[in-house]
Amino acid sequence: MTLESSNTAPQAVKLTYGDVTAELPVVAATSGRNAIDISKLTAKTGLTALDYGFVNTASTKSEITYIDGDEGVLRYRGYPIEQLAEHSTFLEVAYLLIYGELPTAEQMAKFDNEIRRHTLLHEDMKYYFEGLPHTAHPMAVLSGGIQALSTFYESSLSASSPDLIEVNTIRLLAKLPVLAAYAHRSPI
């Protein structure tokens, strides 16, 4: 098997196995190394890729996160995690992840108001928490609580519009601290 740069398509590589040659596109990286798109490898060659530990494999393209574990690099939307941890609040980073940029003071005030508007849990959620064993692990309680939220917002389950996705995201961000408090309190 050989792998070489393609002369006919500068944004591709040729993979030859026996008498089969496949052109695989090169995906340009905004950071780090370029990648070879092998999503059609099996269809073109009958082969699959084997990468022990997925050391050489990027699972997806992302505009949100860049990770280089070997170099100790983690960036969200281009910002180093250390910078965000030192200079930004949780909600500012949440805004960055959702909207792609850090908020202005006006945007942050509006976002904060939206979060505050959605913090209350439905009164019936208390029955969920009361029904769990007192020995339940807080993470299991929290995970189940997040799932239980969907029963109170059934019209939001098939979120196909960007507006509905945004509302669901804000709801989850708003309710998560309350759910976490319940989860932490329940086994005590």
N, C-alpha and C. Protein backbone atom coordinates (compact mmCIF):
# COMPACT_ATOMS: atom_id res chain seq x y z
N MET A 1 0.85 -1.16 0.00
CA MET A 1 0.00 0.00 0.00
C MET A 1 0.90 1.23 0.00
N THR A 2 0.61 2.20 -0.85
CA THR A 2 1.37 3.45 -0.88
C THR A 2 0.43 4.62 -0.69
N LEU A 3 0.96 5.70 -0.16
CA LEU A 3 0.20 6.92 0.03
C LEU A 3 1.07 8.05 -0.48
N GLU A 4 0.56 8.83 -1.41
CA GLU A 4 1.36 9.91 -1.97
C GLU A 4 0.47 11.10 -2.28
N SER A 5 1.11 12.27 -2.41
CA SER A 5 0.35 13.45 -2.81
C SER A 5 -0.10 13.29 -4.25
N SER A 6 -1.26 13.80 -4.55
CA SER A 6 -1.82 13.68 -5.89
C SER A 6 -1.39 14.87 -6.74
N ASN A 7 -0.97 14.59 -7.98
CA ASN A 7 -0.62 15.66 -8.90
C ASN A 7 -1.86 16.25 -9.55
N THR A 8 -2.88 15.41 -9.77
CA THR A 8 -4.08 15.88 -10.46
C THR A 8 -5.00 16.68 -9.56
N ALA A 9 -4.99 16.43 -8.29
CA ALA A 9 -5.82 17.17 -7.35
C ALA A 9 -4.97 17.53 -6.14
N PRO A 10 -4.43 18.75 -6.09
CA PRO A 10 -3.52 19.11 -5.02
C PRO A 10 -4.13 19.02 -3.63
N GLN A 11 -5.45 18.93 -3.54
CA GLN A 11 -6.10 18.80 -2.25
C GLN A 11 -6.50 17.36 -1.97
N ALA A 12 -5.74 16.41 -2.52
CA ALA A 12 -6.06 15.00 -2.33
C ALA A 12 -4.77 14.19 -2.29
N VAL A 13 -4.88 12.96 -1.78
CA VAL A 13 -3.79 12.01 -1.83
C VAL A 13 -4.31 10.77 -2.55
N LYS A 14 -3.39 10.04 -3.17
CA LYS A 14 -3.75 8.78 -3.82
C LYS A 14 -3.33 7.64 -2.93
N LEU A 15 -4.23 6.69 -2.76
CA LEU A 15 -3.95 5.48 -2.01
C LEU A 15 -4.05 4.34 -3.00
N THR A 16 -2.96 3.58 -3.12
CA THR A 16 -2.95 2.45 -4.04
C THR A 16 -2.79 1.17 -3.25
N TYR A 17 -3.69 0.23 -3.52
CA TYR A 17 -3.66 -1.09 -2.88
C TYR A 17 -3.90 -2.10 -3.98
N GLY A 18 -2.87 -2.85 -4.33
CA GLY A 18 -3.00 -3.77 -5.46
C GLY A 18 -3.25 -2.97 -6.72
N ASP A 19 -4.31 -3.32 -7.44
CA ASP A 19 -4.62 -2.60 -8.68
C ASP A 19 -5.68 -1.51 -8.48
N VAL A 20 -6.02 -1.22 -7.23
CA VAL A 20 -7.04 -0.20 -6.93
C VAL A 20 -6.35 1.07 -6.43
N THR A 21 -6.68 2.20 -7.05
CA THR A 21 -6.17 3.50 -6.61
C THR A 21 -7.36 4.38 -6.26
N ALA A 22 -7.30 4.97 -5.11
CA ALA A 22 -8.38 5.87 -4.67
C ALA A 22 -7.79 7.23 -4.34
N GLU A 23 -8.49 8.28 -4.77
CA GLU A 23 -8.12 9.63 -4.37
C GLU A 23 -8.93 10.00 -3.14
N LEU A 24 -8.22 10.40 -2.11
CA LEU A 24 -8.86 10.78 -0.85
C LEU A 24 -8.59 12.26 -0.59
N PRO A 25 -9.64 13.04 -0.33
CA PRO A 25 -9.44 14.48 -0.15
C PRO A 25 -8.65 14.82 1.11
N VAL A 26 -7.88 15.89 1.00
CA VAL A 26 -7.16 16.43 2.15
C VAL A 26 -8.01 17.55 2.73
N VAL A 27 -8.21 17.50 4.02
CA VAL A 27 -8.98 18.54 4.71
C VAL A 27 -7.98 19.48 5.37
N ALA A 28 -8.06 20.76 5.00
CA ALA A 28 -7.13 21.75 5.54
C ALA A 28 -7.50 22.06 6.99
N ALA A 29 -6.50 22.07 7.83
CA ALA A 29 -6.71 22.38 9.25
C ALA A 29 -6.54 23.87 9.49
N THR A 30 -7.33 24.42 10.39
CA THR A 30 -7.11 25.80 10.81
C THR A 30 -6.01 25.86 11.86
N SER A 31 -5.80 24.75 12.57
CA SER A 31 -4.72 24.60 13.54
C SER A 31 -4.22 23.17 13.44
N GLY A 32 -2.95 22.98 13.69
CA GLY A 32 -2.43 21.62 13.68
C GLY A 32 -2.24 21.08 12.28
N ARG A 33 -2.34 19.77 12.16
CA ARG A 33 -2.04 19.08 10.90
C ARG A 33 -3.27 18.96 10.01
N ASN A 34 -3.03 18.99 8.70
CA ASN A 34 -4.10 18.68 7.76
C ASN A 34 -4.48 17.21 7.93
N ALA A 35 -5.63 16.84 7.38
CA ALA A 35 -6.11 15.47 7.54
C ALA A 35 -6.52 14.89 6.21
N ILE A 36 -6.54 13.57 6.14
CA ILE A 36 -7.04 12.86 4.97
C ILE A 36 -8.45 12.39 5.31
N ASP A 37 -9.41 12.73 4.46
CA ASP A 37 -10.79 12.29 4.66
C ASP A 37 -10.91 10.86 4.15
N ILE A 38 -11.06 9.91 5.08
CA ILE A 38 -11.15 8.50 4.69
C ILE A 38 -12.58 7.97 4.76
N SER A 39 -13.56 8.89 4.77
CA SER A 39 -14.95 8.45 4.92
C SER A 39 -15.42 7.56 3.77
N LYS A 40 -14.79 7.66 2.61
CA LYS A 40 -15.17 6.81 1.47
C LYS A 40 -14.12 5.73 1.18
N LEU A 41 -13.21 5.52 2.12
CA LEU A 41 -12.13 4.54 1.94
C LEU A 41 -12.67 3.16 1.63
N THR A 42 -13.62 2.67 2.40
CA THR A 42 -14.16 1.33 2.19
C THR A 42 -14.89 1.24 0.86
N ALA A 43 -15.68 2.24 0.54
CA ALA A 43 -16.43 2.22 -0.72
C ALA A 43 -15.49 2.23 -1.92
N LYS A 44 -14.37 2.94 -1.83
CA LYS A 44 -13.46 3.06 -2.97
C LYS A 44 -12.46 1.91 -3.07
N THR A 45 -12.08 1.32 -1.92
CA THR A 45 -11.01 0.32 -1.95
C THR A 45 -11.39 -1.03 -1.35
N GLY A 46 -12.47 -1.08 -0.60
CA GLY A 46 -12.81 -2.30 0.12
C GLY A 46 -12.04 -2.46 1.42
N LEU A 47 -11.19 -1.50 1.74
CA LEU A 47 -10.39 -1.54 2.97
C LEU A 47 -11.05 -0.70 4.06
N THR A 48 -10.67 -0.98 5.29
CA THR A 48 -11.01 -0.09 6.40
C THR A 48 -9.71 0.40 7.00
N ALA A 49 -9.79 1.40 7.85
CA ALA A 49 -8.60 1.95 8.49
C ALA A 49 -8.47 1.38 9.90
N LEU A 50 -7.25 1.10 10.31
CA LEU A 50 -6.97 0.63 11.66
C LEU A 50 -6.01 1.63 12.28
N ASP A 51 -6.42 2.24 13.36
CA ASP A 51 -5.59 3.23 14.05
C ASP A 51 -5.68 2.93 15.54
N TYR A 52 -4.74 2.15 16.04
CA TYR A 52 -4.74 1.75 17.45
C TYR A 52 -4.81 2.99 18.35
N GLY A 53 -5.81 3.02 19.21
CA GLY A 53 -5.98 4.12 20.14
C GLY A 53 -6.42 5.42 19.49
N PHE A 54 -6.74 5.39 18.22
CA PHE A 54 -7.17 6.57 17.47
C PHE A 54 -6.17 7.73 17.61
N VAL A 55 -4.90 7.40 17.68
CA VAL A 55 -3.85 8.40 17.84
C VAL A 55 -3.76 9.31 16.63
N ASN A 56 -4.02 8.78 15.44
CA ASN A 56 -3.91 9.55 14.21
C ASN A 56 -5.26 9.89 13.62
N THR A 57 -6.31 9.82 14.41
CA THR A 57 -7.66 9.99 13.88
C THR A 57 -8.36 11.16 14.53
N ALA A 58 -8.86 12.06 13.70
CA ALA A 58 -9.77 13.11 14.17
C ALA A 58 -11.17 12.59 13.93
N SER A 59 -12.02 12.66 14.94
CA SER A 59 -13.35 12.06 14.80
C SER A 59 -14.31 12.94 14.02
N THR A 60 -14.05 14.22 13.97
CA THR A 60 -14.96 15.12 13.27
C THR A 60 -14.27 16.46 13.03
N LYS A 61 -14.87 17.28 12.17
CA LYS A 61 -14.44 18.67 12.04
C LYS A 61 -15.13 19.45 13.13
N SER A 62 -14.46 20.43 13.68
CA SER A 62 -15.09 21.23 14.74
C SER A 62 -14.69 22.68 14.62
N GLU A 63 -15.67 23.55 14.69
CA GLU A 63 -15.41 24.98 14.80
C GLU A 63 -15.35 25.39 16.26
N ILE A 64 -15.64 24.45 17.15
CA ILE A 64 -15.75 24.78 18.57
C ILE A 64 -14.48 24.44 19.33
N THR A 65 -13.97 23.23 19.15
CA THR A 65 -12.87 22.75 19.99
C THR A 65 -11.68 22.32 19.14
N TYR A 66 -10.49 22.66 19.63
CA TYR A 66 -9.26 22.12 19.06
C TYR A 66 -8.47 21.51 20.21
N ILE A 67 -8.05 20.27 20.04
CA ILE A 67 -7.28 19.57 21.07
C ILE A 67 -6.02 18.98 20.44
N ASP A 68 -4.89 19.23 21.06
CA ASP A 68 -3.64 18.54 20.73
C ASP A 68 -3.08 18.06 22.06
N GLY A 69 -3.42 16.83 22.40
CA GLY A 69 -3.02 16.27 23.69
C GLY A 69 -1.52 16.18 23.86
N ASP A 70 -0.79 15.88 22.76
CA ASP A 70 0.66 15.77 22.86
C ASP A 70 1.30 17.10 23.25
N GLU A 71 0.73 18.19 22.76
CA GLU A 71 1.28 19.52 23.05
C GLU A 71 0.59 20.19 24.23
N GLY A 72 -0.44 19.55 24.77
CA GLY A 72 -1.17 20.15 25.90
C GLY A 72 -2.00 21.35 25.50
N VAL A 73 -2.56 21.31 24.28
CA VAL A 73 -3.34 22.43 23.76
C VAL A 73 -4.82 22.10 23.78
N LEU A 74 -5.61 22.99 24.35
CA LEU A 74 -7.07 22.90 24.30
C LEU A 74 -7.58 24.31 24.06
N ARG A 75 -8.30 24.49 22.95
CA ARG A 75 -8.86 25.80 22.62
C ARG A 75 -10.35 25.65 22.35
N TYR A 76 -11.10 26.64 22.81
CA TYR A 76 -12.52 26.75 22.48
C TYR A 76 -12.69 27.98 21.61
N ARG A 77 -13.21 27.77 20.40
CA ARG A 77 -13.44 28.87 19.45
C ARG A 77 -12.18 29.72 19.28
N GLY A 78 -11.02 29.06 19.33
CA GLY A 78 -9.75 29.75 19.11
C GLY A 78 -9.09 30.30 20.36
N TYR A 79 -9.79 30.33 21.47
CA TYR A 79 -9.23 30.86 22.71
C TYR A 79 -8.60 29.73 23.53
N PRO A 80 -7.36 29.92 24.01
CA PRO A 80 -6.76 28.91 24.89
C PRO A 80 -7.59 28.75 26.16
N ILE A 81 -7.76 27.51 26.60
CA ILE A 81 -8.58 27.23 27.78
C ILE A 81 -8.05 27.96 29.01
N GLU A 82 -6.73 28.12 29.10
CA GLU A 82 -6.15 28.82 30.25
C GLU A 82 -6.63 30.27 30.31
N GLN A 83 -6.70 30.90 29.14
CA GLN A 83 -7.15 32.30 29.06
C GLN A 83 -8.62 32.41 29.47
N LEU A 84 -9.44 31.48 28.99
CA LEU A 84 -10.86 31.50 29.34
C LEU A 84 -11.06 31.24 30.82
N ALA A 85 -10.31 30.29 31.38
CA ALA A 85 -10.45 29.96 32.80
C ALA A 85 -10.05 31.13 33.68
N GLU A 86 -9.06 31.88 33.25
CA GLU A 86 -8.56 32.98 34.07
C GLU A 86 -9.38 34.26 33.92
N HIS A 87 -9.91 34.51 32.72
CA HIS A 87 -10.51 35.82 32.46
C HIS A 87 -12.00 35.82 32.14
N SER A 88 -12.63 34.66 32.07
CA SER A 88 -14.04 34.61 31.67
C SER A 88 -14.86 33.83 32.70
N THR A 89 -16.14 34.19 32.78
CA THR A 89 -17.05 33.46 33.66
C THR A 89 -17.58 32.23 32.93
N PHE A 90 -18.23 31.36 33.68
CA PHE A 90 -18.86 30.19 33.09
C PHE A 90 -19.85 30.59 32.00
N LEU A 91 -20.69 31.58 32.28
CA LEU A 91 -21.70 31.99 31.30
C LEU A 91 -21.08 32.67 30.08
N GLU A 92 -19.98 33.39 30.26
CA GLU A 92 -19.29 33.98 29.10
C GLU A 92 -18.75 32.88 28.19
N VAL A 93 -18.18 31.84 28.78
CA VAL A 93 -17.68 30.72 27.98
C VAL A 93 -18.83 29.97 27.32
N ALA A 94 -19.94 29.80 28.03
CA ALA A 94 -21.12 29.17 27.44
C ALA A 94 -21.59 29.98 26.24
N TYR A 95 -21.64 31.29 26.37
CA TYR A 95 -22.03 32.16 25.26
C TYR A 95 -21.08 31.97 24.08
N LEU A 96 -19.79 31.95 24.37
CA LEU A 96 -18.78 31.73 23.33
C LEU A 96 -19.02 30.42 22.59
N LEU A 97 -19.26 29.36 23.33
CA LEU A 97 -19.47 28.05 22.70
C LEU A 97 -20.74 28.04 21.85
N ILE A 98 -21.78 28.70 22.32
CA ILE A 98 -23.06 28.70 21.59
C ILE A 98 -23.02 29.61 20.38
N TYR A 99 -22.53 30.84 20.56
CA TYR A 99 -22.65 31.87 19.51
C TYR A 99 -21.36 32.14 18.74
N GLY A 100 -20.23 31.58 19.19
CA GLY A 100 -19.00 31.70 18.42
C GLY A 100 -18.14 32.90 18.75
N GLU A 101 -18.56 33.73 19.69
CA GLU A 101 -17.76 34.89 20.08
C GLU A 101 -18.04 35.21 21.54
N LEU A 102 -17.07 35.85 22.18
CA LEU A 102 -17.30 36.30 23.55
C LEU A 102 -18.32 37.43 23.52
N PRO A 103 -19.18 37.51 24.52
CA PRO A 103 -20.25 38.51 24.49
C PRO A 103 -19.76 39.91 24.85
N THR A 104 -20.45 40.90 24.28
CA THR A 104 -20.28 42.27 24.74
C THR A 104 -21.02 42.38 26.07
N ALA A 105 -20.87 43.50 26.75
CA ALA A 105 -21.58 43.69 28.02
C ALA A 105 -23.09 43.63 27.80
N GLU A 106 -23.57 44.22 26.72
CA GLU A 106 -25.01 44.20 26.43
C GLU A 106 -25.50 42.79 26.12
N GLN A 107 -24.74 42.06 25.31
CA GLN A 107 -25.11 40.67 24.99
C GLN A 107 -25.11 39.80 26.24
N MET A 108 -24.13 40.03 27.12
CA MET A 108 -24.03 39.24 28.34
C MET A 108 -25.21 39.51 29.26
N ALA A 109 -25.61 40.77 29.37
CA ALA A 109 -26.75 41.12 30.22
C ALA A 109 -28.02 40.45 29.71
N LYS A 110 -28.22 40.46 28.40
CA LYS A 110 -29.40 39.82 27.81
C LYS A 110 -29.36 38.30 28.04
N PHE A 111 -28.19 37.70 27.81
CA PHE A 111 -28.02 36.26 27.99
C PHE A 111 -28.25 35.87 29.45
N ASP A 112 -27.68 36.64 30.36
CA ASP A 112 -27.85 36.38 31.78
C ASP A 112 -29.33 36.45 32.18
N ASN A 113 -30.05 37.42 31.64
CA ASN A 113 -31.49 37.52 31.92
C ASN A 113 -32.25 36.30 31.40
N GLU A 114 -31.89 35.83 30.20
CA GLU A 114 -32.54 34.64 29.63
C GLU A 114 -32.27 33.42 30.51
N ILE A 115 -31.05 33.28 30.98
CA ILE A 115 -30.71 32.15 31.85
C ILE A 115 -31.54 32.23 33.14
N ARG A 116 -31.55 33.39 33.76
CA ARG A 116 -32.29 33.56 35.03
C ARG A 116 -33.78 33.27 34.85
N ARG A 117 -34.32 33.62 33.69
CA ARG A 117 -35.74 33.40 33.41
C ARG A 117 -36.12 31.93 33.40
N HIS A 118 -35.15 31.06 33.14
CA HIS A 118 -35.43 29.63 32.97
C HIS A 118 -34.87 28.76 34.10
N THR A 119 -34.46 29.35 35.22
CA THR A 119 -33.82 28.53 36.26
C THR A 119 -34.78 27.64 37.05
N LEU A 120 -36.02 28.04 37.21
CA LEU A 120 -36.93 27.27 38.04
C LEU A 120 -37.26 25.91 37.43
N LEU A 121 -37.34 24.91 38.28
CA LEU A 121 -37.77 23.58 37.85
C LEU A 121 -39.27 23.46 38.06
N HIS A 122 -39.90 22.65 37.26
CA HIS A 122 -41.31 22.35 37.46
C HIS A 122 -41.46 21.71 38.84
N GLU A 123 -42.51 22.08 39.54
CA GLU A 123 -42.76 21.59 40.90
C GLU A 123 -42.77 20.06 40.97
N ASP A 124 -43.24 19.41 39.91
CA ASP A 124 -43.32 17.94 39.92
C ASP A 124 -41.95 17.25 39.85
N MET A 125 -40.89 18.00 39.53
CA MET A 125 -39.55 17.39 39.52
C MET A 125 -39.16 16.88 40.90
N LYS A 126 -39.75 17.46 41.95
CA LYS A 126 -39.40 17.01 43.30
C LYS A 126 -39.75 15.53 43.48
N TYR A 127 -40.80 15.07 42.80
CA TYR A 127 -41.19 13.66 42.91
C TYR A 127 -40.13 12.75 42.29
N TYR A 128 -39.49 13.24 41.24
CA TYR A 128 -38.39 12.47 40.64
C TYR A 128 -37.30 12.26 41.68
N PHE A 129 -36.88 13.34 42.31
CA PHE A 129 -35.79 13.25 43.28
C PHE A 129 -36.19 12.44 44.51
N GLU A 130 -37.43 12.61 44.96
CA GLU A 130 -37.90 11.87 46.13
C GLU A 130 -37.98 10.37 45.86
N GLY A 131 -38.18 9.99 44.61
CA GLY A 131 -38.34 8.58 44.27
C GLY A 131 -37.04 7.81 44.14
N LEU A 132 -35.92 8.49 44.20
CA LEU A 132 -34.63 7.82 44.04
C LEU A 132 -34.09 7.34 45.38
N PRO A 133 -33.32 6.26 45.36
CA PRO A 133 -32.72 5.79 46.61
C PRO A 133 -31.78 6.85 47.18
N HIS A 134 -31.73 6.95 48.47
CA HIS A 134 -30.84 7.94 49.10
C HIS A 134 -29.37 7.60 48.90
N THR A 135 -29.10 6.38 48.48
CA THR A 135 -27.71 5.97 48.24
C THR A 135 -27.29 6.20 46.79
N ALA A 136 -28.19 6.75 45.97
CA ALA A 136 -27.88 6.95 44.54
C ALA A 136 -26.70 7.91 44.39
N HIS A 137 -25.84 7.60 43.44
CA HIS A 137 -24.69 8.46 43.17
C HIS A 137 -25.18 9.78 42.57
N PRO A 138 -24.62 10.91 43.00
CA PRO A 138 -25.07 12.21 42.49
C PRO A 138 -25.02 12.34 40.96
N MET A 139 -24.03 11.73 40.32
CA MET A 139 -23.97 11.84 38.85
C MET A 139 -25.12 11.08 38.20
N ALA A 140 -25.51 9.96 38.77
CA ALA A 140 -26.66 9.23 38.24
C ALA A 140 -27.94 10.03 38.44
N VAL A 141 -28.05 10.67 39.59
CA VAL A 141 -29.23 11.50 39.88
C VAL A 141 -29.27 12.68 38.90
N LEU A 142 -28.12 13.32 38.69
CA LEU A 142 -28.05 14.46 37.77
C LEU A 142 -28.38 14.03 36.34
N SER A 143 -27.80 12.94 35.89
CA SER A 143 -28.06 12.45 34.53
C SER A 143 -29.54 12.16 34.33
N GLY A 144 -30.12 11.47 35.28
CA GLY A 144 -31.55 11.17 35.19
C GLY A 144 -32.40 12.42 35.25
N GLY A 145 -31.99 13.38 36.06
CA GLY A 145 -32.72 14.64 36.15
C GLY A 145 -32.75 15.39 34.83
N ILE A 146 -31.62 15.36 34.12
CA ILE A 146 -31.56 15.99 32.80
C ILE A 146 -32.53 15.29 31.86
N GLN A 147 -32.55 13.97 31.90
CA GLN A 147 -33.48 13.22 31.05
C GLN A 147 -34.93 13.51 31.44
N ALA A 148 -35.19 13.62 32.73
CA ALA A 148 -36.55 13.87 33.20
C ALA A 148 -37.06 15.23 32.73
N LEU A 149 -36.17 16.19 32.53
CA LEU A 149 -36.60 17.50 32.04
C LEU A 149 -37.38 17.38 30.73
N SER A 150 -36.99 16.45 29.90
CA SER A 150 -37.64 16.31 28.58
C SER A 150 -39.12 16.01 28.71
N THR A 151 -39.54 15.42 29.82
CA THR A 151 -40.96 15.10 29.98
C THR A 151 -41.79 16.35 30.25
N PHE A 152 -41.15 17.43 30.65
CA PHE A 152 -41.85 18.68 30.90
C PHE A 152 -41.82 19.62 29.69
N TYR A 153 -41.02 19.29 28.69
CA TYR A 153 -40.89 20.13 27.50
C TYR A 153 -41.02 19.28 26.25
N GLU A 154 -42.08 18.49 26.18
CA GLU A 154 -42.23 17.55 25.07
C GLU A 154 -42.31 18.24 23.71
N SER A 155 -42.85 19.45 23.66
CA SER A 155 -42.93 20.15 22.38
C SER A 155 -41.55 20.53 21.86
N SER A 156 -40.55 20.48 22.73
CA SER A 156 -39.19 20.84 22.34
C SER A 156 -38.34 19.64 21.95
N LEU A 157 -38.90 18.44 22.01
CA LEU A 157 -38.09 17.24 21.77
C LEU A 157 -37.58 17.14 20.35
N SER A 158 -38.38 17.54 19.38
CA SER A 158 -37.91 17.48 17.99
C SER A 158 -37.50 18.89 17.57
N ALA A 159 -36.44 19.34 18.20
CA ALA A 159 -35.96 20.70 17.96
C ALA A 159 -35.31 20.80 16.59
N SER A 160 -36.09 21.26 15.62
CA SER A 160 -35.56 21.37 14.27
C SER A 160 -35.24 22.81 13.91
N SER A 161 -35.78 23.77 14.63
CA SER A 161 -35.51 25.17 14.31
C SER A 161 -34.38 25.70 15.19
N PRO A 162 -33.55 26.57 14.64
CA PRO A 162 -32.46 27.15 15.44
C PRO A 162 -32.98 27.86 16.70
N ASP A 163 -34.15 28.50 16.61
CA ASP A 163 -34.70 29.19 17.78
C ASP A 163 -35.04 28.20 18.89
N LEU A 164 -35.62 27.07 18.53
CA LEU A 164 -35.98 26.06 19.53
C LEU A 164 -34.73 25.42 20.14
N ILE A 165 -33.72 25.20 19.32
CA ILE A 165 -32.45 24.68 19.83
C ILE A 165 -31.84 25.66 20.82
N GLU A 166 -31.90 26.94 20.50
CA GLU A 166 -31.37 27.97 21.40
C GLU A 166 -32.12 27.98 22.73
N VAL A 167 -33.45 27.92 22.69
CA VAL A 167 -34.25 27.90 23.91
C VAL A 167 -33.91 26.67 24.75
N ASN A 168 -33.79 25.51 24.11
CA ASN A 168 -33.45 24.29 24.85
C ASN A 168 -32.07 24.38 25.48
N THR A 169 -31.13 24.98 24.77
CA THR A 169 -29.78 25.15 25.30
C THR A 169 -29.80 26.05 26.52
N ILE A 170 -30.52 27.15 26.42
CA ILE A 170 -30.62 28.09 27.54
C ILE A 170 -31.33 27.43 28.72
N ARG A 171 -32.39 26.68 28.44
CA ARG A 171 -33.09 25.97 29.53
C ARG A 171 -32.14 25.03 30.27
N LEU A 172 -31.39 24.26 29.52
CA LEU A 172 -30.48 23.31 30.15
C LEU A 172 -29.42 24.02 30.97
N LEU A 173 -28.82 25.07 30.41
CA LEU A 173 -27.83 25.84 31.17
C LEU A 173 -28.42 26.42 32.44
N ALA A 174 -29.65 26.89 32.35
CA ALA A 174 -30.30 27.52 33.49
C ALA A 174 -30.66 26.51 34.58
N LYS A 175 -31.10 25.35 34.17
CA LYS A 175 -31.60 24.37 35.14
C LYS A 175 -30.50 23.47 35.70
N LEU A 176 -29.38 23.38 35.02
CA LEU A 176 -28.32 22.47 35.46
C LEU A 176 -27.82 22.76 36.88
N PRO A 177 -27.58 24.01 37.27
CA PRO A 177 -27.14 24.23 38.66
C PRO A 177 -28.18 23.79 39.69
N VAL A 178 -29.46 23.98 39.38
CA VAL A 178 -30.52 23.56 40.30
C VAL A 178 -30.56 22.03 40.38
N LEU A 179 -30.45 21.38 39.22
CA LEU A 179 -30.42 19.91 39.20
C LEU A 179 -29.20 19.39 39.97
N ALA A 180 -28.06 20.05 39.79
CA ALA A 180 -26.85 19.62 40.49
C ALA A 180 -27.01 19.77 42.00
N ALA A 181 -27.65 20.84 42.42
CA ALA A 181 -27.88 21.03 43.86
C ALA A 181 -28.79 19.93 44.41
N TYR A 182 -29.85 19.61 43.68
CA TYR A 182 -30.72 18.51 44.10
C TYR A 182 -29.94 17.19 44.15
N ALA A 183 -29.14 16.95 43.13
CA ALA A 183 -28.38 15.69 43.05
C ALA A 183 -27.39 15.59 44.21
N HIS A 184 -26.78 16.69 44.56
CA HIS A 184 -25.81 16.68 45.66
C HIS A 184 -26.51 16.51 47.00
N ARG A 185 -27.67 17.12 47.14
CA ARG A 185 -28.41 17.09 48.40
C ARG A 185 -29.10 15.77 48.65
N SER A 186 -29.53 15.11 47.58
CA SER A 186 -30.39 13.93 47.76
C SER A 186 -29.76 12.79 48.57
N PRO A 187 -28.47 12.46 48.42
CA PRO A 187 -27.95 11.33 49.21
C PRO A 187 -27.60 11.70 50.65
N ILE A 188 -27.68 12.95 51.01
CA ILE A 188 -27.27 13.39 52.36
C ILE A 188 -28.37 13.10 53.36
